[in-house]
């Protein structure tokens, strides 16, 4: 009964938010500030759970590392901390980790003695790293979209589809302000978004992971019309009933899995298309798409051009009905920070 009432009350909140005039909605900068404050508060709380230094044993695995044992600090040391005790190659090229066989962010603290494998894009089987990279590129695209438009336009990031690298493009679903329903993105708009992503890549920002209980995630996304629903869905699917958050700069996001260590691991990166998916529960859905290759794997410009042409085609998933919008086009100037 309580669960039902809670869901009804939250739906009423979503409806009230949707009906608010744009002028009285919470400014995007204030929303980002609130999300950051809650994220930092919870991060500090979790770190305080280990007031005393307790040692753990980390058994390194991988080429040239088998038999290497590191003594690290419980709840404080991360896989990246371990990489610093090895070689510059491990520190620079590691993108993801396996902790007791489980995919693990390089920035996520180790809480018990474990085995650790550092993964790179050039491993014999880079499947897990590629998946995390594609997920990270989609997260970067969402971060750019959230701040690309003028302050009087709202941007609602939806659940990011998990698509394989073989789909040819990563993607991010979004609902823009109703005033933009007739907007058709131009090539210059896509180039502006690409420049925004390249700025974040140049800053080499860390993707900070934070595993939280649903109540914390609900507080972080209290201004979102659909993120709270996504929080409940992810918590229900998690064996521990928790959800994974990441923070990049001042952007906090939900993630379906671990991300690579930092934005600087991305190299060639381009926003290739924004497709209309038709009307949904939250408004006109759009699917932004992009293409990227990591720093360790570069492509000649002729190969890149062919990959880009493929990445322009809509990435289709089984969950959505695609409806074409026939509204008249509108010109919109993107506001990107340079």
C-alpha atoms as a PDB file:
ATOM      1  CA  UNK A   1       0.000   0.000   0.000  1.00  0.00           C
ATOM      2  CA  UNK A   2       2.804   2.386   0.909  1.00  0.00           C
ATOM      3  CA  UNK A   3       4.660   1.512  -2.328  1.00  0.00           C
ATOM      4  CA  UNK A   4       1.504   2.263  -4.331  1.00  0.00           C
ATOM      5  CA  UNK A   5       0.876   5.588  -2.598  1.00  0.00           C
ATOM      6  CA  UNK A   6       4.516   6.539  -3.093  1.00  0.00           C
ATOM      7  CA  UNK A   7       4.253   5.845  -6.822  1.00  0.00           C
ATOM      8  CA  UNK A   8       1.012   7.818  -7.137  1.00  0.00           C
ATOM      9  CA  UNK A   9       2.459  10.799  -5.277  1.00  0.00           C
ATOM     10  CA  UNK A  10       5.546  10.816  -7.470  1.00  0.00           C
ATOM     11  CA  UNK A  11       3.430  10.659 -10.626  1.00  0.00           C
ATOM     12  CA  UNK A  12       1.485  13.694  -9.368  1.00  0.00           C
ATOM     13  CA  UNK A  13       4.805  15.473  -8.883  1.00  0.00           C
ATOM     14  CA  UNK A  14       5.841  14.615 -12.457  1.00  0.00           C
ATOM     15  CA  UNK A  15       2.536  15.934 -13.805  1.00  0.00           C
ATOM     16  CA  UNK A  16       2.825  19.166 -11.809  1.00  0.00           C
ATOM     17  CA  UNK A  17       6.361  19.605 -13.105  1.00  0.00           C
ATOM     18  CA  UNK A  18       5.291  19.022 -16.693  1.00  0.00           C
ATOM     19  CA  UNK A  19       2.557  21.652 -16.400  1.00  0.00           C
ATOM     20  CA  UNK A  20       4.763  24.338 -14.861  1.00  0.00           C
ATOM     21  CA  UNK A  21       5.476  27.320 -17.098  1.00  0.00           C
ATOM     22  CA  UNK A  22       9.053  27.406 -18.346  1.00  0.00           C
ATOM     23  CA  UNK A  23       9.675  30.666 -16.471  1.00  0.00           C
ATOM     24  CA  UNK A  24       9.180  29.073 -13.050  1.00  0.00           C
ATOM     25  CA  UNK A  25      10.954  25.781 -13.624  1.00  0.00           C
ATOM     26  CA  UNK A  26      14.146  25.211 -11.693  1.00  0.00           C
ATOM     27  CA  UNK A  27      17.111  26.560 -13.708  1.00  0.00           C
ATOM     28  CA  UNK A  28      19.373  23.876 -15.164  1.00  0.00           C
ATOM     29  CA  UNK A  29      22.414  25.246 -13.333  1.00  0.00           C
ATOM     30  CA  UNK A  30      20.562  24.956 -10.019  1.00  0.00           C
ATOM     31  CA  UNK A  31      19.519  21.380 -10.814  1.00  0.00           C
ATOM     32  CA  UNK A  32      23.120  20.421 -11.611  1.00  0.00           C
ATOM     33  CA  UNK A  33      24.278  22.072  -8.390  1.00  0.00           C
ATOM     34  CA  UNK A  34      21.736  20.126  -6.324  1.00  0.00           C
ATOM     35  CA  UNK A  35      22.697  16.827  -7.971  1.00  0.00           C
ATOM     36  CA  UNK A  36      26.372  17.483  -7.340  1.00  0.00           C
ATOM     37  CA  UNK A  37      25.757  18.388  -3.707  1.00  0.00           C
ATOM     38  CA  UNK A  38      23.868  15.155  -2.990  1.00  0.00           C
ATOM     39  CA  UNK A  39      26.459  13.098  -4.905  1.00  0.00           C
ATOM     40  CA  UNK A  40      29.333  14.661  -2.926  1.00  0.00           C
ATOM     41  CA  UNK A  41      27.495  14.211   0.375  1.00  0.00           C
ATOM     42  CA  UNK A  42      26.899  10.503  -0.271  1.00  0.00           C
ATOM     43  CA  UNK A  43      30.439  10.019  -1.548  1.00  0.00           C
ATOM     44  CA  UNK A  44      31.797  11.534   1.683  1.00  0.00           C
ATOM     45  CA  UNK A  45      29.456   9.383   3.785  1.00  0.00           C
ATOM     46  CA  UNK A  46      30.656   6.199   2.107  1.00  0.00           C
ATOM     47  CA  UNK A  47      34.311   7.141   2.511  1.00  0.00           C
ATOM     48  CA  UNK A  48      33.697   7.783   6.219  1.00  0.00           C
ATOM     49  CA  UNK A  49      32.627   4.134   6.611  1.00  0.00           C
ATOM     50  CA  UNK A  50      36.346   3.262   6.740  1.00  0.00           C
ATOM     51  CA  UNK A  51      37.734   5.534   9.506  1.00  0.00           C
ATOM     52  CA  UNK A  52      40.663   3.209  10.225  1.00  0.00           C
ATOM     53  CA  UNK A  53      43.217   2.043   7.683  1.00  0.00           C
ATOM     54  CA  UNK A  54      42.639  -1.657   7.057  1.00  0.00           C
ATOM     55  CA  UNK A  55      44.883  -3.559   4.676  1.00  0.00           C
ATOM     56  CA  UNK A  56      43.687  -5.877   1.913  1.00  0.00           C
ATOM     57  CA  UNK A  57      45.610  -8.127  -0.473  1.00  0.00           C
ATOM     58  CA  UNK A  58      45.173  -7.538  -4.196  1.00  0.00           C
ATOM     59  CA  UNK A  59      46.423 -10.361  -6.405  1.00  0.00           C
ATOM     60  CA  UNK A  60      47.289  -8.986  -9.846  1.00  0.00           C
ATOM     61  CA  UNK A  61      46.508 -11.019 -12.949  1.00  0.00           C
ATOM     62  CA  UNK A  62      47.486 -10.476 -16.562  1.00  0.00           C
ATOM     63  CA  UNK A  63      50.546 -10.638 -18.816  1.00  0.00           C
ATOM     64  CA  UNK A  64      53.696 -10.206 -16.746  1.00  0.00           C
ATOM     65  CA  UNK A  65      51.731  -9.624 -13.537  1.00  0.00           C
ATOM     66  CA  UNK A  66      50.722 -13.111 -12.383  1.00  0.00           C
ATOM     67  CA  UNK A  67      52.024 -13.613  -8.856  1.00  0.00           C
ATOM     68  CA  UNK A  68      52.237  -9.883  -8.113  1.00  0.00           C
ATOM     69  CA  UNK A  69      50.645  -9.129  -4.743  1.00  0.00           C
ATOM     70  CA  UNK A  70      49.812  -5.573  -3.672  1.00  0.00           C
ATOM     71  CA  UNK A  71      48.906  -4.522  -0.134  1.00  0.00           C
ATOM     72  CA  UNK A  72      46.279  -1.774  -0.421  1.00  0.00           C
ATOM     73  CA  UNK A  73      43.861   0.142   1.817  1.00  0.00           C
ATOM     74  CA  UNK A  74      40.315  -1.172   2.186  1.00  0.00           C
ATOM     75  CA  UNK A  75      37.615   1.238   1.018  1.00  0.00           C
ATOM     76  CA  UNK A  76      40.200   3.773  -0.159  1.00  0.00           C
ATOM     77  CA  UNK A  77      42.393   2.142  -2.795  1.00  0.00           C
ATOM     78  CA  UNK A  78      41.033   1.706  -6.320  1.00  0.00           C
ATOM     79  CA  UNK A  79      42.223  -0.286  -9.347  1.00  0.00           C
ATOM     80  CA  UNK A  80      43.817   2.966 -10.528  1.00  0.00           C
ATOM     81  CA  UNK A  81      45.728   3.136  -7.228  1.00  0.00           C
ATOM     82  CA  UNK A  82      47.023  -0.355  -7.979  1.00  0.00           C
ATOM     83  CA  UNK A  83      48.042   0.674 -11.509  1.00  0.00           C
ATOM     84  CA  UNK A  84      50.183   3.454 -10.004  1.00  0.00           C
ATOM     85  CA  UNK A  85      52.232   0.759  -8.237  1.00  0.00           C
ATOM     86  CA  UNK A  86      52.960  -0.982 -11.536  1.00  0.00           C
ATOM     87  CA  UNK A  87      54.242   0.667 -14.723  1.00  0.00           C
ATOM     88  CA  UNK A  88      53.428   3.816 -16.681  1.00  0.00           C
ATOM     89  CA  UNK A  89      51.970   1.553 -19.367  1.00  0.00           C
ATOM     90  CA  UNK A  90      49.379   0.189 -16.937  1.00  0.00           C
ATOM     91  CA  UNK A  91      48.582   3.656 -15.605  1.00  0.00           C
ATOM     92  CA  UNK A  92      48.067   5.271 -19.017  1.00  0.00           C
ATOM     93  CA  UNK A  93      46.470   2.468 -21.014  1.00  0.00           C
ATOM     94  CA  UNK A  94      44.145   0.794 -18.498  1.00  0.00           C
ATOM     95  CA  UNK A  95      40.498   1.599 -19.210  1.00  0.00           C
ATOM     96  CA  UNK A  96      38.564  -0.860 -17.034  1.00  0.00           C
ATOM     97  CA  UNK A  97      39.214  -3.549 -14.436  1.00  0.00           C
ATOM     98  CA  UNK A  98      38.021  -6.996 -13.460  1.00  0.00           C
ATOM     99  CA  UNK A  99      37.685  -7.527  -9.707  1.00  0.00           C
ATOM    100  CA  UNK A 100      37.195 -11.224  -8.956  1.00  0.00           C
ATOM    101  CA  UNK A 101      35.991 -11.490 -12.553  1.00  0.00           C
ATOM    102  CA  UNK A 102      33.445  -8.662 -12.267  1.00  0.00           C
ATOM    103  CA  UNK A 103      33.699  -5.535 -14.473  1.00  0.00           C
ATOM    104  CA  UNK A 104      34.817  -2.666 -12.249  1.00  0.00           C
ATOM    105  CA  UNK A 105      35.528   1.024 -12.750  1.00  0.00           C
ATOM    106  CA  UNK A 106      39.137   2.083 -12.237  1.00  0.00           C
ATOM    107  CA  UNK A 107      37.908   4.716  -9.758  1.00  0.00           C
ATOM    108  CA  UNK A 108      35.673   2.419  -7.677  1.00  0.00           C
ATOM    109  CA  UNK A 109      37.157   1.614  -4.233  1.00  0.00           C
ATOM    110  CA  UNK A 110      38.143  -1.958  -3.388  1.00  0.00           C
ATOM    111  CA  UNK A 111      36.384  -3.203  -0.261  1.00  0.00           C
ATOM    112  CA  UNK A 112      37.941  -6.657   0.219  1.00  0.00           C
ATOM    113  CA  UNK A 113      40.927  -8.791  -0.728  1.00  0.00           C
ATOM    114  CA  UNK A 114      40.528  -9.759  -4.367  1.00  0.00           C
ATOM    115  CA  UNK A 115      42.061 -10.629  -7.707  1.00  0.00           C
ATOM    116  CA  UNK A 116      42.496  -7.724 -10.115  1.00  0.00           C
ATOM    117  CA  UNK A 117      42.947  -7.620 -13.880  1.00  0.00           C
ATOM    118  CA  UNK A 118      43.545  -4.322 -15.680  1.00  0.00           C
ATOM    119  CA  UNK A 119      41.919  -4.198 -19.118  1.00  0.00           C
ATOM    120  CA  UNK A 120      42.961  -2.210 -22.201  1.00  0.00           C
ATOM    121  CA  UNK A 121      41.554  -1.678 -25.690  1.00  0.00           C
ATOM    122  CA  UNK A 122      44.315  -3.845 -27.171  1.00  0.00           C
ATOM    123  CA  UNK A 123      43.623  -6.973 -25.119  1.00  0.00           C
ATOM    124  CA  UNK A 124      43.089 -10.222 -27.020  1.00  0.00           C
ATOM    125  CA  UNK A 125      39.406 -10.061 -26.017  1.00  0.00           C
ATOM    126  CA  UNK A 126      38.382  -6.392 -25.657  1.00  0.00           C
ATOM    127  CA  UNK A 127      34.633  -7.095 -25.493  1.00  0.00           C
ATOM    128  CA  UNK A 128      34.076  -5.744 -21.966  1.00  0.00           C
ATOM    129  CA  UNK A 129      36.240  -2.683 -22.580  1.00  0.00           C
ATOM    130  CA  UNK A 130      34.455  -1.939 -25.859  1.00  0.00           C
ATOM    131  CA  UNK A 131      31.053  -2.190 -24.155  1.00  0.00           C
ATOM    132  CA  UNK A 132      32.163   0.178 -21.393  1.00  0.00           C
ATOM    133  CA  UNK A 133      33.629   2.555 -23.981  1.00  0.00           C
ATOM    134  CA  UNK A 134      30.406   2.653 -26.024  1.00  0.00           C
ATOM    135  CA  UNK A 135      28.453   3.288 -22.827  1.00  0.00           C
ATOM    136  CA  UNK A 136      30.867   6.068 -21.881  1.00  0.00           C
ATOM    137  CA  UNK A 137      30.606   7.725 -25.296  1.00  0.00           C
ATOM    138  CA  UNK A 138      26.803   7.735 -24.962  1.00  0.00           C
ATOM    139  CA  UNK A 139      27.146   9.274 -21.487  1.00  0.00           C
ATOM    140  CA  UNK A 140      29.374  11.990 -22.952  1.00  0.00           C
ATOM    141  CA  UNK A 141      26.790  12.690 -25.658  1.00  0.00           C
ATOM    142  CA  UNK A 142      24.052  13.063 -23.039  1.00  0.00           C
ATOM    143  CA  UNK A 143      26.219  15.463 -21.046  1.00  0.00           C
ATOM    144  CA  UNK A 144      26.744  17.641 -24.123  1.00  0.00           C
ATOM    145  CA  UNK A 145      23.041  17.649 -25.014  1.00  0.00           C
ATOM    146  CA  UNK A 146      22.035  18.688 -21.502  1.00  0.00           C
ATOM    147  CA  UNK A 147      24.007  21.938 -21.726  1.00  0.00           C
ATOM    148  CA  UNK A 148      23.907  22.643 -25.479  1.00  0.00           C
ATOM    149  CA  UNK A 149      20.722  24.713 -25.635  1.00  0.00           C
ATOM    150  CA  UNK A 150      19.864  28.126 -24.270  1.00  0.00           C
ATOM    151  CA  UNK A 151      18.724  28.238 -20.648  1.00  0.00           C
ATOM    152  CA  UNK A 152      15.077  28.842 -21.559  1.00  0.00           C
ATOM    153  CA  UNK A 153      14.883  25.433 -23.287  1.00  0.00           C
ATOM    154  CA  UNK A 154      14.474  22.298 -21.160  1.00  0.00           C
ATOM    155  CA  UNK A 155      16.321  19.057 -21.940  1.00  0.00           C
ATOM    156  CA  UNK A 156      15.196  15.711 -20.487  1.00  0.00           C
ATOM    157  CA  UNK A 157      17.668  12.846 -20.884  1.00  0.00           C
ATOM    158  CA  UNK A 158      15.902   9.499 -21.144  1.00  0.00           C
ATOM    159  CA  UNK A 159      17.139   5.976 -20.538  1.00  0.00           C
ATOM    160  CA  UNK A 160      20.216   5.393 -22.702  1.00  0.00           C
ATOM    161  CA  UNK A 161      19.763   2.245 -24.828  1.00  0.00           C
ATOM    162  CA  UNK A 162      22.445  -0.398 -24.374  1.00  0.00           C
ATOM    163  CA  UNK A 163      23.503  -1.107 -27.958  1.00  0.00           C
ATOM    164  CA  UNK A 164      26.427  -3.268 -29.120  1.00  0.00           C
ATOM    165  CA  UNK A 165      29.465  -1.760 -30.811  1.00  0.00           C
ATOM    166  CA  UNK A 166      28.467  -3.708 -33.924  1.00  0.00           C
ATOM    167  CA  UNK A 167      25.398  -1.454 -34.263  1.00  0.00           C
ATOM    168  CA  UNK A 168      27.742   1.137 -35.764  1.00  0.00           C
ATOM    169  CA  UNK A 169      26.863   4.025 -33.441  1.00  0.00           C
ATOM    170  CA  UNK A 170      26.266   4.747 -29.777  1.00  0.00           C
ATOM    171  CA  UNK A 171      23.098   6.648 -28.949  1.00  0.00           C
ATOM    172  CA  UNK A 172      21.304   8.710 -26.333  1.00  0.00           C
ATOM    173  CA  UNK A 173      17.534   9.299 -26.200  1.00  0.00           C
ATOM    174  CA  UNK A 174      16.292  12.747 -25.244  1.00  0.00           C
ATOM    175  CA  UNK A 175      13.154  14.885 -25.057  1.00  0.00           C
ATOM    176  CA  UNK A 176      13.757  18.546 -25.843  1.00  0.00           C
ATOM    177  CA  UNK A 177      11.614  21.510 -24.880  1.00  0.00           C
ATOM    178  CA  UNK A 178       8.199  21.473 -26.648  1.00  0.00           C
ATOM    179  CA  UNK A 179       9.222  24.759 -28.294  1.00  0.00           C
ATOM    180  CA  UNK A 180      11.810  22.719 -30.216  1.00  0.00           C
ATOM    181  CA  UNK A 181       9.442  20.055 -31.545  1.00  0.00           C
ATOM    182  CA  UNK A 182       9.725  21.504 -35.058  1.00  0.00           C
ATOM    183  CA  UNK A 183      13.523  21.827 -34.912  1.00  0.00           C
ATOM    184  CA  UNK A 184      15.494  19.876 -37.513  1.00  0.00           C
ATOM    185  CA  UNK A 185      19.201  19.627 -36.611  1.00  0.00           C
ATOM    186  CA  UNK A 186      21.529  21.044 -39.253  1.00  0.00           C
ATOM    187  CA  UNK A 187      25.061  19.895 -40.048  1.00  0.00           C
ATOM    188  CA  UNK A 188      26.322  22.943 -38.155  1.00  0.00           C
ATOM    189  CA  UNK A 189      24.259  21.870 -35.114  1.00  0.00           C
ATOM    190  CA  UNK A 190      25.920  18.454 -35.197  1.00  0.00           C
ATOM    191  CA  UNK A 191      29.349  20.070 -35.527  1.00  0.00           C
ATOM    192  CA  UNK A 192      28.581  22.290 -32.515  1.00  0.00           C
ATOM    193  CA  UNK A 193      27.669  19.231 -30.442  1.00  0.00           C
ATOM    194  CA  UNK A 194      30.847  17.512 -31.620  1.00  0.00           C
ATOM    195  CA  UNK A 195      32.913  20.506 -30.486  1.00  0.00           C
ATOM    196  CA  UNK A 196      31.214  20.341 -27.094  1.00  0.00           C
ATOM    197  CA  UNK A 197      32.190  16.674 -26.720  1.00  0.00           C
ATOM    198  CA  UNK A 198      35.755  17.368 -27.824  1.00  0.00           C
ATOM    199  CA  UNK A 199      36.063  20.051 -25.145  1.00  0.00           C
ATOM    200  CA  UNK A 200      35.132  17.497 -22.465  1.00  0.00           C
ATOM    201  CA  UNK A 201      37.589  15.005 -23.960  1.00  0.00           C
ATOM    202  CA  UNK A 202      40.348  17.618 -23.885  1.00  0.00           C
ATOM    203  CA  UNK A 203      39.652  18.245 -20.174  1.00  0.00           C
ATOM    204  CA  UNK A 204      40.378  14.542 -19.477  1.00  0.00           C
ATOM    205  CA  UNK A 205      37.674  14.356 -16.804  1.00  0.00           C
ATOM    206  CA  UNK A 206      37.248  11.277 -14.615  1.00  0.00           C
ATOM    207  CA  UNK A 207      34.011   9.307 -14.589  1.00  0.00           C
ATOM    208  CA  UNK A 208      33.544   8.923 -10.829  1.00  0.00           C
ATOM    209  CA  UNK A 209      31.412   5.880  -9.873  1.00  0.00           C
ATOM    210  CA  UNK A 210      29.118   5.784  -6.852  1.00  0.00           C
ATOM    211  CA  UNK A 211      26.863   2.859  -5.949  1.00  0.00           C
ATOM    212  CA  UNK A 212      23.858   4.108  -3.966  1.00  0.00           C
ATOM    213  CA  UNK A 213      20.552   2.957  -2.515  1.00  0.00           C
ATOM    214  CA  UNK A 214      17.444   4.070  -4.445  1.00  0.00           C
ATOM    215  CA  UNK A 215      16.488   6.802  -1.959  1.00  0.00           C
ATOM    216  CA  UNK A 216      19.741   8.670  -2.648  1.00  0.00           C
ATOM    217  CA  UNK A 217      19.311   8.364  -6.408  1.00  0.00           C
ATOM    218  CA  UNK A 218      15.705   9.559  -6.131  1.00  0.00           C
ATOM    219  CA  UNK A 219      16.898  12.635  -4.247  1.00  0.00           C
ATOM    220  CA  UNK A 220      19.560  13.343  -6.851  1.00  0.00           C
ATOM    221  CA  UNK A 221      17.032  13.144  -9.682  1.00  0.00           C
ATOM    222  CA  UNK A 222      14.170  14.812  -7.822  1.00  0.00           C
ATOM    223  CA  UNK A 223      13.732  17.353 -10.642  1.00  0.00           C
ATOM    224  CA  UNK A 224      13.536  14.755 -13.420  1.00  0.00           C
ATOM    225  CA  UNK A 225      10.227  13.619 -14.818  1.00  0.00           C
ATOM    226  CA  UNK A 226      11.479  10.188 -15.867  1.00  0.00           C
ATOM    227  CA  UNK A 227      14.786   9.497 -14.090  1.00  0.00           C
ATOM    228  CA  UNK A 228      13.027   8.485 -10.880  1.00  0.00           C
ATOM    229  CA  UNK A 229      11.180   5.786 -12.789  1.00  0.00           C
ATOM    230  CA  UNK A 230      14.491   4.633 -14.252  1.00  0.00           C
ATOM    231  CA  UNK A 231      15.979   4.498 -10.744  1.00  0.00           C
ATOM    232  CA  UNK A 232      13.236   2.141  -9.583  1.00  0.00           C
ATOM    233  CA  UNK A 233      13.645  -0.051 -12.671  1.00  0.00           C
ATOM    234  CA  UNK A 234      17.400  -0.373 -12.248  1.00  0.00           C
ATOM    235  CA  UNK A 235      17.095  -1.023  -8.500  1.00  0.00           C
ATOM    236  CA  UNK A 236      14.554  -3.777  -9.157  1.00  0.00           C
ATOM    237  CA  UNK A 237      16.940  -5.408 -11.642  1.00  0.00           C
ATOM    238  CA  UNK A 238      19.962  -5.178  -9.334  1.00  0.00           C
ATOM    239  CA  UNK A 239      20.711  -8.211  -7.095  1.00  0.00           C
ATOM    240  CA  UNK A 240      21.724  -5.785  -4.318  1.00  0.00           C
ATOM    241  CA  UNK A 241      18.824  -3.408  -4.924  1.00  0.00           C
ATOM    242  CA  UNK A 242      21.236  -0.544  -5.615  1.00  0.00           C
ATOM    243  CA  UNK A 243      21.896   1.688  -8.615  1.00  0.00           C
ATOM    244  CA  UNK A 244      25.162   2.898 -10.114  1.00  0.00           C
ATOM    245  CA  UNK A 245      25.762   6.599 -10.629  1.00  0.00           C
ATOM    246  CA  UNK A 246      28.666   8.336 -12.331  1.00  0.00           C
ATOM    247  CA  UNK A 247      29.801  11.941 -12.229  1.00  0.00           C
ATOM    248  CA  UNK A 248      31.784  13.679 -14.943  1.00  0.00           C
ATOM    249  CA  UNK A 249      32.596  17.282 -14.114  1.00  0.00           C
ATOM    250  CA  UNK A 250      29.268  18.655 -12.864  1.00  0.00           C
ATOM    251  CA  UNK A 251      27.134  16.081 -14.718  1.00  0.00           C
ATOM    252  CA  UNK A 252      25.593  13.184 -12.733  1.00  0.00           C
ATOM    253  CA  UNK A 253      24.084  10.241 -14.601  1.00  0.00           C
ATOM    254  CA  UNK A 254      22.608   6.793 -14.141  1.00  0.00           C
ATOM    255  CA  UNK A 255      24.546   3.991 -15.785  1.00  0.00           C
ATOM    256  CA  UNK A 256      23.701   0.444 -16.807  1.00  0.00           C
ATOM    257  CA  UNK A 257      27.272  -0.621 -16.093  1.00  0.00           C
ATOM    258  CA  UNK A 258      30.821   0.598 -15.516  1.00  0.00           C
ATOM    259  CA  UNK A 259      32.313   3.389 -17.629  1.00  0.00           C
ATOM    260  CA  UNK A 260      35.919   3.765 -18.721  1.00  0.00           C
ATOM    261  CA  UNK A 261      38.228   5.754 -16.489  1.00  0.00           C
ATOM    262  CA  UNK A 262      38.243   9.193 -18.122  1.00  0.00           C
ATOM    263  CA  UNK A 263      37.073  11.256 -21.069  1.00  0.00           C
ATOM    264  CA  UNK A 264      40.654  11.580 -22.345  1.00  0.00           C
ATOM    265  CA  UNK A 265      40.570   7.931 -23.424  1.00  0.00           C
ATOM    266  CA  UNK A 266      38.270   9.038 -26.244  1.00  0.00           C
ATOM    267  CA  UNK A 267      39.989  10.317 -29.366  1.00  0.00           C
ATOM    268  CA  UNK A 268      38.122  10.524 -32.651  1.00  0.00           C
ATOM    269  CA  UNK A 269      34.576  11.514 -31.647  1.00  0.00           C
ATOM    270  CA  UNK A 270      31.753  12.861 -33.774  1.00  0.00           C
ATOM    271  CA  UNK A 271      28.014  13.437 -33.299  1.00  0.00           C
ATOM    272  CA  UNK A 272      26.555  12.011 -36.502  1.00  0.00           C
ATOM    273  CA  UNK A 273      22.755  12.336 -36.350  1.00  0.00           C
ATOM    274  CA  UNK A 274      19.666  13.207 -34.329  1.00  0.00           C
ATOM    275  CA  UNK A 275      16.603  11.185 -35.371  1.00  0.00           C
ATOM    276  CA  UNK A 276      12.970  11.644 -34.364  1.00  0.00           C
ATOM    277  CA  UNK A 277      11.356   8.642 -32.661  1.00  0.00           C
ATOM    278  CA  UNK A 278       7.868  10.115 -32.374  1.00  0.00           C
ATOM    279  CA  UNK A 279       5.752  11.076 -29.388  1.00  0.00           C
ATOM    280  CA  UNK A 280       6.315   9.297 -26.077  1.00  0.00           C
ATOM    281  CA  UNK A 281       5.173   9.633 -22.477  1.00  0.00           C
ATOM    282  CA  UNK A 282       7.458  12.619 -21.861  1.00  0.00           C
ATOM    283  CA  UNK A 283       7.124  14.345 -25.241  1.00  0.00           C
ATOM    284  CA  UNK A 284       8.755  14.094 -28.660  1.00  0.00           C
ATOM    285  CA  UNK A 285      11.549  11.535 -28.379  1.00  0.00           C
ATOM    286  CA  UNK A 286      14.764  12.009 -30.304  1.00  0.00           C
ATOM    287  CA  UNK A 287      17.744   9.709 -30.662  1.00  0.00           C
ATOM    288  CA  UNK A 288      21.128  11.406 -30.837  1.00  0.00           C
ATOM    289  CA  UNK A 289      23.894   9.240 -32.249  1.00  0.00           C
ATOM    290  CA  UNK A 290      27.644   9.361 -32.518  1.00  0.00           C
ATOM    291  CA  UNK A 291      30.810   7.547 -33.471  1.00  0.00           C
ATOM    292  CA  UNK A 292      34.105   7.361 -31.636  1.00  0.00           C
ATOM    293  CA  UNK A 293      37.381   5.484 -31.483  1.00  0.00           C
ATOM    294  CA  UNK A 294      39.599   5.325 -28.390  1.00  0.00           C
ATOM    295  CA  UNK A 295      42.998   6.939 -28.094  1.00  0.00           C
ATOM    296  CA  UNK A 296      44.758   3.594 -28.575  1.00  0.00           C
ATOM    297  CA  UNK A 297      42.934   2.792 -31.840  1.00  0.00           C
ATOM    298  CA  UNK A 298      43.023   5.344 -34.642  1.00  0.00           C
ATOM    299  CA  UNK A 299      41.429   5.126 -38.100  1.00  0.00           C
ATOM    300  CA  UNK A 300      42.592   6.629 -41.389  1.00  0.00           C
ATOM    301  CA  UNK A 301      40.289   9.415 -42.628  1.00  0.00           C
ATOM    302  CA  UNK A 302      38.966   7.266 -45.495  1.00  0.00           C
ATOM    303  CA  UNK A 303      38.002   4.484 -43.072  1.00  0.00           C
ATOM    304  CA  UNK A 304      36.524   7.042 -40.679  1.00  0.00           C
ATOM    305  CA  UNK A 305      34.358   8.494 -43.460  1.00  0.00           C
ATOM    306  CA  UNK A 306      32.849   5.072 -44.173  1.00  0.00           C
ATOM    307  CA  UNK A 307      32.252   4.432 -40.474  1.00  0.00           C
ATOM    308  CA  UNK A 308      30.616   7.841 -40.157  1.00  0.00           C
ATOM    309  CA  UNK A 309      28.227   7.175 -43.032  1.00  0.00           C
ATOM    310  CA  UNK A 310      27.087   4.027 -41.269  1.00  0.00           C
ATOM    311  CA  UNK A 311      26.752   5.866 -37.942  1.00  0.00           C
ATOM    312  CA  UNK A 312      24.308   8.333 -39.508  1.00  0.00           C
ATOM    313  CA  UNK A 313      21.701   5.587 -39.946  1.00  0.00           C
ATOM    314  CA  UNK A 314      19.225   5.241 -37.095  1.00  0.00           C
ATOM    315  CA  UNK A 315      20.156   2.734 -34.428  1.00  0.00           C
ATOM    316  CA  UNK A 316      17.023   0.683 -33.875  1.00  0.00           C
ATOM    317  CA  UNK A 317      16.149  -1.177 -30.702  1.00  0.00           C
ATOM    318  CA  UNK A 318      13.300  -3.586 -30.077  1.00  0.00           C
ATOM    319  CA  UNK A 319      11.680  -1.467 -27.366  1.00  0.00           C
ATOM    320  CA  UNK A 320      10.421   1.531 -29.303  1.00  0.00           C
ATOM    321  CA  UNK A 321       7.912   2.306 -32.024  1.00  0.00           C
ATOM    322  CA  UNK A 322       9.364   4.810 -34.470  1.00  0.00           C
ATOM    323  CA  UNK A 323       6.935   7.477 -35.714  1.00  0.00           C
ATOM    324  CA  UNK A 324       8.005  10.202 -38.116  1.00  0.00           C
ATOM    325  CA  UNK A 325       7.123  13.773 -37.186  1.00  0.00           C
ATOM    326  CA  UNK A 326       5.921  15.976 -40.067  1.00  0.00           C
ATOM    327  CA  UNK A 327       6.042  19.352 -38.294  1.00  0.00           C
ATOM    328  CA  UNK A 328       7.615  22.335 -40.033  1.00  0.00           C
ATOM    329  CA  UNK A 329      11.370  22.737 -39.465  1.00  0.00           C
ATOM    330  CA  UNK A 330      12.735  25.354 -37.077  1.00  0.00           C
ATOM    331  CA  UNK A 331      16.187  26.898 -36.832  1.00  0.00           C
ATOM    332  CA  UNK A 332      17.808  26.801 -33.386  1.00  0.00           C
ATOM    333  CA  UNK A 333      21.159  28.196 -32.316  1.00  0.00           C
ATOM    334  CA  UNK A 334      22.975  25.964 -29.848  1.00  0.00           C
ATOM    335  CA  UNK A 335      24.663  27.557 -26.853  1.00  0.00           C
ATOM    336  CA  UNK A 336      27.897  25.720 -26.187  1.00  0.00           C
ATOM    337  CA  UNK A 337      30.555  26.790 -23.696  1.00  0.00           C
ATOM    338  CA  UNK A 338      33.890  27.464 -25.365  1.00  0.00           C
END
